Amino acid sequence: MKLLWLLGCYHIGAMNVTIKDVPQDIHTELKQAARSKGRSLNGYVISLLRESVEDDRHRRLLRERWEEFERFVQSLPPVSDSTPLIREDRDRGH
């Protein structure tokens, strides 16, 4: 990671984001949730962002795997209806 000189101290690869116009009720709820978990508001918001990114990654991976599965199923040869064969076996007493 690149070390950056920031305000007289070394800062390792982090970035700052400013979120504007957060509605007061959301800000209040975030602060209360952070406090109840013994975290700073900043730390709590970062954990929510991390969860959201991980959830998105997981959904994308599932979607890709599902599409891969669908392509596999479509590549299989068609299967005929086995009902007549089963009936024929039953009629023979098997």
N, C-alpha and C. Protein backbone atom coordinates (compact mmCIF):
# COMPACT_ATOMS: atom_id res chain seq x y z
N MET A 1 0.83 -1.18 0.00
CA MET A 1 0.00 0.00 0.00
C MET A 1 0.88 1.25 0.00
N LYS A 2 0.43 2.23 -0.65
CA LYS A 2 1.17 3.47 -0.73
C LYS A 2 0.98 4.27 0.55
N LEU A 3 2.08 4.73 1.11
CA LEU A 3 2.00 5.56 2.30
C LEU A 3 1.83 7.01 1.88
N LEU A 4 0.90 7.67 2.47
CA LEU A 4 0.65 9.07 2.16
C LEU A 4 0.96 9.92 3.39
N TRP A 5 1.51 11.04 3.17
CA TRP A 5 1.76 11.97 4.27
C TRP A 5 0.50 12.81 4.46
N LEU A 6 -0.12 12.71 5.64
CA LEU A 6 -1.38 13.42 5.86
C LEU A 6 -1.38 14.03 7.24
N LEU A 7 -1.43 15.34 7.32
CA LEU A 7 -1.50 16.07 8.58
C LEU A 7 -0.41 15.66 9.57
N GLY A 8 0.80 15.49 9.05
CA GLY A 8 1.93 15.20 9.93
C GLY A 8 2.03 13.76 10.37
N CYS A 9 1.25 12.82 9.79
CA CYS A 9 1.37 11.42 10.17
C CYS A 9 1.23 10.57 8.91
N TYR A 10 1.72 9.36 8.98
CA TYR A 10 1.57 8.46 7.84
C TYR A 10 0.16 7.91 7.81
N HIS A 11 -0.39 7.81 6.63
CA HIS A 11 -1.75 7.33 6.43
C HIS A 11 -1.68 6.23 5.39
N ILE A 12 -2.18 5.05 5.69
CA ILE A 12 -2.03 3.91 4.80
C ILE A 12 -3.31 3.63 4.04
N GLY A 13 -3.33 3.93 2.75
CA GLY A 13 -4.34 3.52 1.80
C GLY A 13 -5.80 3.71 2.14
N ALA A 14 -6.17 4.57 3.02
CA ALA A 14 -7.58 4.79 3.32
C ALA A 14 -8.06 6.00 2.53
N MET A 15 -9.36 6.12 2.41
CA MET A 15 -9.88 7.29 1.73
C MET A 15 -11.01 7.89 2.54
N ASN A 16 -11.24 9.15 2.36
CA ASN A 16 -12.30 9.85 3.06
C ASN A 16 -13.46 10.08 2.11
N VAL A 17 -14.66 9.92 2.63
CA VAL A 17 -15.87 10.16 1.85
C VAL A 17 -16.76 11.07 2.69
N THR A 18 -17.32 12.07 2.06
CA THR A 18 -18.26 12.95 2.74
C THR A 18 -19.66 12.63 2.22
N ILE A 19 -20.57 12.38 3.13
CA ILE A 19 -21.95 12.11 2.74
C ILE A 19 -22.77 13.33 3.12
N LYS A 20 -23.40 13.91 2.13
CA LYS A 20 -24.16 15.15 2.37
C LYS A 20 -25.64 14.86 2.44
N ASP A 21 -26.35 15.75 3.10
CA ASP A 21 -27.81 15.75 3.15
C ASP A 21 -28.40 14.47 3.72
N VAL A 22 -27.75 13.91 4.75
CA VAL A 22 -28.31 12.73 5.42
C VAL A 22 -29.51 13.20 6.24
N PRO A 23 -30.68 12.61 6.01
CA PRO A 23 -31.85 13.02 6.80
C PRO A 23 -31.60 12.81 8.29
N GLN A 24 -32.11 13.74 9.09
CA GLN A 24 -31.88 13.72 10.53
C GLN A 24 -32.29 12.40 11.17
N ASP A 25 -33.43 11.83 10.76
CA ASP A 25 -33.88 10.58 11.38
C ASP A 25 -32.91 9.43 11.11
N ILE A 26 -32.34 9.40 9.92
CA ILE A 26 -31.38 8.35 9.59
C ILE A 26 -30.09 8.56 10.38
N HIS A 27 -29.64 9.80 10.46
CA HIS A 27 -28.43 10.12 11.23
C HIS A 27 -28.62 9.71 12.69
N THR A 28 -29.77 10.02 13.25
CA THR A 28 -30.05 9.67 14.64
C THR A 28 -30.05 8.16 14.84
N GLU A 29 -30.70 7.43 13.94
CA GLU A 29 -30.74 5.97 14.05
C GLU A 29 -29.36 5.36 13.92
N LEU A 30 -28.56 5.88 12.99
CA LEU A 30 -27.20 5.37 12.83
C LEU A 30 -26.37 5.61 14.09
N LYS A 31 -26.49 6.79 14.66
CA LYS A 31 -25.74 7.10 15.88
C LYS A 31 -26.16 6.19 17.03
N GLN A 32 -27.47 5.98 17.16
CA GLN A 32 -27.97 5.10 18.23
C GLN A 32 -27.49 3.66 18.03
N ALA A 33 -27.56 3.19 16.80
CA ALA A 33 -27.12 1.82 16.51
C ALA A 33 -25.63 1.67 16.78
N ALA A 34 -24.84 2.65 16.37
CA ALA A 34 -23.40 2.61 16.61
C ALA A 34 -23.12 2.59 18.11
N ARG A 35 -23.79 3.45 18.84
CA ARG A 35 -23.60 3.52 20.30
C ARG A 35 -23.97 2.20 20.95
N SER A 36 -25.09 1.60 20.52
CA SER A 36 -25.53 0.35 21.13
C SER A 36 -24.55 -0.80 20.86
N LYS A 37 -23.76 -0.68 19.80
CA LYS A 37 -22.78 -1.71 19.48
C LYS A 37 -21.38 -1.33 19.97
N GLY A 38 -21.30 -0.21 20.68
CA GLY A 38 -20.01 0.23 21.21
C GLY A 38 -19.04 0.66 20.14
N ARG A 39 -19.56 1.22 19.07
CA ARG A 39 -18.72 1.64 17.95
C ARG A 39 -18.90 3.12 17.70
N SER A 40 -17.92 3.67 17.01
CA SER A 40 -18.07 5.05 16.56
C SER A 40 -19.04 5.06 15.38
N LEU A 41 -19.59 6.22 15.10
CA LEU A 41 -20.49 6.35 13.95
C LEU A 41 -19.72 5.99 12.67
N ASN A 42 -18.50 6.48 12.55
CA ASN A 42 -17.68 6.19 11.37
C ASN A 42 -17.44 4.68 11.23
N GLY A 43 -17.04 4.03 12.29
CA GLY A 43 -16.78 2.60 12.25
C GLY A 43 -18.03 1.81 11.91
N TYR A 44 -19.15 2.24 12.47
CA TYR A 44 -20.41 1.55 12.21
C TYR A 44 -20.82 1.69 10.75
N VAL A 45 -20.71 2.90 10.20
CA VAL A 45 -21.09 3.13 8.80
C VAL A 45 -20.17 2.34 7.87
N ILE A 46 -18.88 2.28 8.19
CA ILE A 46 -17.96 1.48 7.38
C ILE A 46 -18.37 0.01 7.41
N SER A 47 -18.78 -0.49 8.58
CA SER A 47 -19.20 -1.90 8.66
C SER A 47 -20.47 -2.13 7.83
N LEU A 48 -21.39 -1.16 7.82
CA LEU A 48 -22.59 -1.29 6.98
C LEU A 48 -22.22 -1.29 5.50
N LEU A 49 -21.30 -0.42 5.12
CA LEU A 49 -20.86 -0.37 3.73
C LEU A 49 -20.17 -1.68 3.34
N ARG A 50 -19.34 -2.22 4.24
CA ARG A 50 -18.65 -3.48 3.96
C ARG A 50 -19.67 -4.61 3.77
N GLU A 51 -20.67 -4.68 4.65
CA GLU A 51 -21.72 -5.70 4.52
C GLU A 51 -22.45 -5.57 3.19
N SER A 52 -22.76 -4.34 2.82
CA SER A 52 -23.48 -4.10 1.57
C SER A 52 -22.65 -4.55 0.37
N VAL A 53 -21.36 -4.22 0.36
CA VAL A 53 -20.49 -4.62 -0.73
C VAL A 53 -20.38 -6.14 -0.78
N GLU A 54 -20.22 -6.78 0.38
CA GLU A 54 -20.13 -8.25 0.42
C GLU A 54 -21.43 -8.90 -0.05
N ASP A 55 -22.56 -8.33 0.36
CA ASP A 55 -23.86 -8.86 -0.10
C ASP A 55 -23.98 -8.73 -1.62
N ASP A 56 -23.59 -7.58 -2.16
CA ASP A 56 -23.64 -7.38 -3.62
C ASP A 56 -22.75 -8.39 -4.33
N ARG A 57 -21.53 -8.59 -3.81
CA ARG A 57 -20.61 -9.56 -4.39
C ARG A 57 -21.22 -10.96 -4.38
N HIS A 58 -21.82 -11.31 -3.25
CA HIS A 58 -22.44 -12.63 -3.10
C HIS A 58 -23.59 -12.81 -4.09
N ARG A 59 -24.45 -11.80 -4.21
CA ARG A 59 -25.56 -11.87 -5.16
C ARG A 59 -25.06 -12.00 -6.59
N ARG A 60 -24.01 -11.23 -6.92
CA ARG A 60 -23.45 -11.29 -8.27
C ARG A 60 -22.88 -12.68 -8.54
N LEU A 61 -22.18 -13.25 -7.57
CA LEU A 61 -21.63 -14.59 -7.73
C LEU A 61 -22.73 -15.62 -7.90
N LEU A 62 -23.79 -15.51 -7.09
CA LEU A 62 -24.92 -16.44 -7.23
C LEU A 62 -25.57 -16.32 -8.61
N ARG A 63 -25.75 -15.09 -9.06
CA ARG A 63 -26.35 -14.86 -10.38
C ARG A 63 -25.47 -15.47 -11.48
N GLU A 64 -24.15 -15.27 -11.37
CA GLU A 64 -23.23 -15.84 -12.36
C GLU A 64 -23.28 -17.37 -12.33
N ARG A 65 -23.32 -17.94 -11.13
CA ARG A 65 -23.37 -19.40 -11.02
C ARG A 65 -24.69 -19.94 -11.56
N TRP A 66 -25.78 -19.22 -11.31
CA TRP A 66 -27.08 -19.65 -11.82
C TRP A 66 -27.08 -19.62 -13.34
N GLU A 67 -26.54 -18.55 -13.91
CA GLU A 67 -26.47 -18.46 -15.37
C GLU A 67 -25.60 -19.58 -15.93
N GLU A 68 -24.51 -19.89 -15.25
CA GLU A 68 -23.65 -21.00 -15.67
C GLU A 68 -24.41 -22.33 -15.61
N PHE A 69 -25.17 -22.52 -14.55
CA PHE A 69 -25.98 -23.74 -14.41
C PHE A 69 -27.02 -23.82 -15.52
N GLU A 70 -27.69 -22.71 -15.81
CA GLU A 70 -28.69 -22.71 -16.88
C GLU A 70 -28.06 -23.06 -18.22
N ARG A 71 -26.86 -22.51 -18.49
CA ARG A 71 -26.16 -22.86 -19.75
C ARG A 71 -25.84 -24.35 -19.79
N PHE A 72 -25.42 -24.89 -18.65
CA PHE A 72 -25.13 -26.33 -18.58
C PHE A 72 -26.38 -27.15 -18.87
N VAL A 73 -27.50 -26.79 -18.23
CA VAL A 73 -28.75 -27.53 -18.42
C VAL A 73 -29.18 -27.46 -19.88
N GLN A 74 -29.05 -26.30 -20.50
CA GLN A 74 -29.43 -26.15 -21.91
C GLN A 74 -28.52 -26.96 -22.83
N SER A 75 -27.29 -27.23 -22.39
CA SER A 75 -26.36 -27.99 -23.23
C SER A 75 -26.62 -29.50 -23.18
N LEU A 76 -27.44 -29.94 -22.22
CA LEU A 76 -27.73 -31.37 -22.10
C LEU A 76 -28.65 -31.83 -23.21
N PRO A 77 -28.51 -33.06 -23.64
CA PRO A 77 -29.41 -33.55 -24.69
C PRO A 77 -30.84 -33.65 -24.14
N PRO A 78 -31.82 -33.51 -24.99
CA PRO A 78 -33.20 -33.60 -24.52
C PRO A 78 -33.50 -35.00 -23.98
N VAL A 79 -34.32 -35.03 -22.98
CA VAL A 79 -34.71 -36.29 -22.35
C VAL A 79 -36.17 -36.55 -22.70
N SER A 80 -36.43 -37.76 -23.18
CA SER A 80 -37.81 -38.08 -23.55
C SER A 80 -38.61 -38.41 -22.28
N ASP A 81 -39.90 -38.41 -22.44
CA ASP A 81 -40.81 -38.73 -21.33
C ASP A 81 -40.70 -40.22 -21.02
N SER A 82 -40.40 -40.54 -19.77
CA SER A 82 -40.21 -41.94 -19.38
C SER A 82 -41.50 -42.60 -18.92
N THR A 83 -42.60 -41.87 -18.90
CA THR A 83 -43.86 -42.42 -18.41
C THR A 83 -44.27 -43.70 -19.16
N PRO A 84 -44.24 -43.73 -20.49
CA PRO A 84 -44.63 -44.97 -21.18
C PRO A 84 -43.75 -46.16 -20.80
N LEU A 85 -42.44 -45.95 -20.62
CA LEU A 85 -41.55 -47.04 -20.25
C LEU A 85 -41.87 -47.56 -18.84
N ILE A 86 -42.15 -46.66 -17.94
CA ILE A 86 -42.50 -47.06 -16.57
C ILE A 86 -43.80 -47.86 -16.58
N ARG A 87 -44.80 -47.40 -17.34
CA ARG A 87 -46.07 -48.13 -17.43
C ARG A 87 -45.87 -49.53 -18.01
N GLU A 88 -45.03 -49.60 -19.04
CA GLU A 88 -44.75 -50.88 -19.68
C GLU A 88 -44.11 -51.85 -18.68
N ASP A 89 -43.15 -51.37 -17.89
CA ASP A 89 -42.52 -52.21 -16.86
C ASP A 89 -43.55 -52.67 -15.82
N ARG A 90 -44.41 -51.76 -15.39
CA ARG A 90 -45.44 -52.11 -14.41
C ARG A 90 -46.40 -53.17 -14.96
N ASP A 91 -46.76 -53.01 -16.25
CA ASP A 91 -47.66 -53.97 -16.87
C ASP A 91 -47.04 -55.37 -16.94
N ARG A 92 -45.73 -55.43 -17.05
CA ARG A 92 -45.03 -56.71 -17.09
C ARG A 92 -44.81 -57.28 -15.69
N GLY A 93 -45.18 -56.52 -14.67
CA GLY A 93 -45.04 -57.00 -13.30
C GLY A 93 -43.69 -56.73 -12.67
N HIS A 94 -42.95 -55.80 -13.17
CA HIS A 94 -41.63 -55.46 -12.60
C HIS A 94 -41.72 -54.38 -11.59
